[in-house]
Amino acid sequence: MPKMKTKKSAAKRYSFTGTGKVKYKKQNLRHILTKKSTKRKRNLRHPGILSGDNVSVIKKRLLPYG
């Protein structure tokens, strides 16, 4: 059976932590930053951790060797 291909768009958006959790960059920090509070922008800097059923989809279908 041939190797599965990694979805490159997903590989650019998600990465794995050492314990196997899925990490991603939060949205809403690209433009129109003047109306957003400093606290909100500061919290958006930190990576988000994916939870729920989405984790299994990312691991099995999009990043099979991650």
Protein backbone atom coordinates (compact mmCIF):
# COMPACT_ATOMS: atom_id res chain seq x y z
CA MET A 1 0.00 0.00 0.00
CA PRO A 2 1.46 3.40 -0.92
CA LYS A 3 2.21 6.10 1.59
CA MET A 4 -0.54 8.57 2.44
CA LYS A 5 0.03 12.17 1.37
CA THR A 6 -0.01 14.92 3.94
CA LYS A 7 -2.44 17.76 3.21
CA LYS A 8 0.04 20.63 2.87
CA SER A 9 -2.53 23.30 3.72
CA ALA A 10 -3.15 21.57 7.05
CA ALA A 11 0.57 21.10 7.68
CA LYS A 12 1.06 24.86 7.43
CA ARG A 13 -1.77 25.60 9.88
CA TYR A 14 -1.40 22.91 12.54
CA SER A 15 1.44 21.37 14.52
CA PHE A 16 1.69 18.88 17.34
CA THR A 17 2.87 19.38 20.89
CA GLY A 18 5.11 16.88 22.63
CA THR A 19 2.12 15.18 24.25
CA GLY A 20 0.23 14.86 20.95
CA LYS A 21 -2.17 17.78 21.22
CA VAL A 22 -2.90 19.82 18.08
CA LYS A 23 -1.70 23.42 18.17
CA TYR A 24 -2.79 26.26 15.86
CA LYS A 25 -2.44 30.03 15.49
CA LYS A 26 -5.48 32.02 16.54
CA GLN A 27 -7.33 34.19 14.05
CA ASN A 28 -8.18 37.93 14.16
CA LEU A 29 -4.65 39.30 14.57
CA ARG A 30 -3.91 40.36 10.97
CA HIS A 31 -5.55 43.72 10.32
CA ILE A 32 -8.03 46.24 11.80
CA LEU A 33 -6.17 46.07 15.10
CA THR A 34 -7.00 49.59 16.30
CA LYS A 35 -10.51 48.70 17.49
CA LYS A 36 -9.35 45.59 19.36
CA SER A 37 -8.32 45.95 22.98
CA THR A 38 -4.76 45.36 24.11
CA LYS A 39 -5.87 42.48 26.30
CA ARG A 40 -7.63 40.80 23.39
CA LYS A 41 -4.61 41.17 21.09
CA ARG A 42 -2.28 39.86 23.78
CA ASN A 43 -4.42 36.75 24.29
CA LEU A 44 -4.54 36.12 20.54
CA ARG A 45 -0.74 35.87 20.40
CA HIS A 46 -0.65 32.56 22.23
CA PRO A 47 -1.30 29.37 20.29
CA GLY A 48 -4.64 27.65 20.60
CA ILE A 49 -5.06 23.98 21.47
CA LEU A 50 -7.58 22.04 19.39
CA SER A 51 -10.09 19.95 21.32
CA GLY A 52 -12.92 17.55 20.66
CA ASP A 53 -13.65 15.57 17.52
CA ASN A 54 -11.53 17.86 15.36
CA VAL A 55 -8.34 16.34 16.77
CA SER A 56 -9.05 12.90 15.34
CA VAL A 57 -9.89 14.37 11.92
CA ILE A 58 -6.64 16.34 11.81
CA LYS A 59 -4.54 13.38 12.92
CA LYS A 60 -6.09 10.72 10.67
CA ARG A 61 -6.99 12.50 7.46
CA LEU A 62 -4.93 15.65 7.16
CA LEU A 63 -1.66 14.88 8.95
CA PRO A 64 -1.34 11.08 8.96
CA TYR A 65 2.36 11.08 9.90
CA GLY A 66 2.28 13.99 12.35
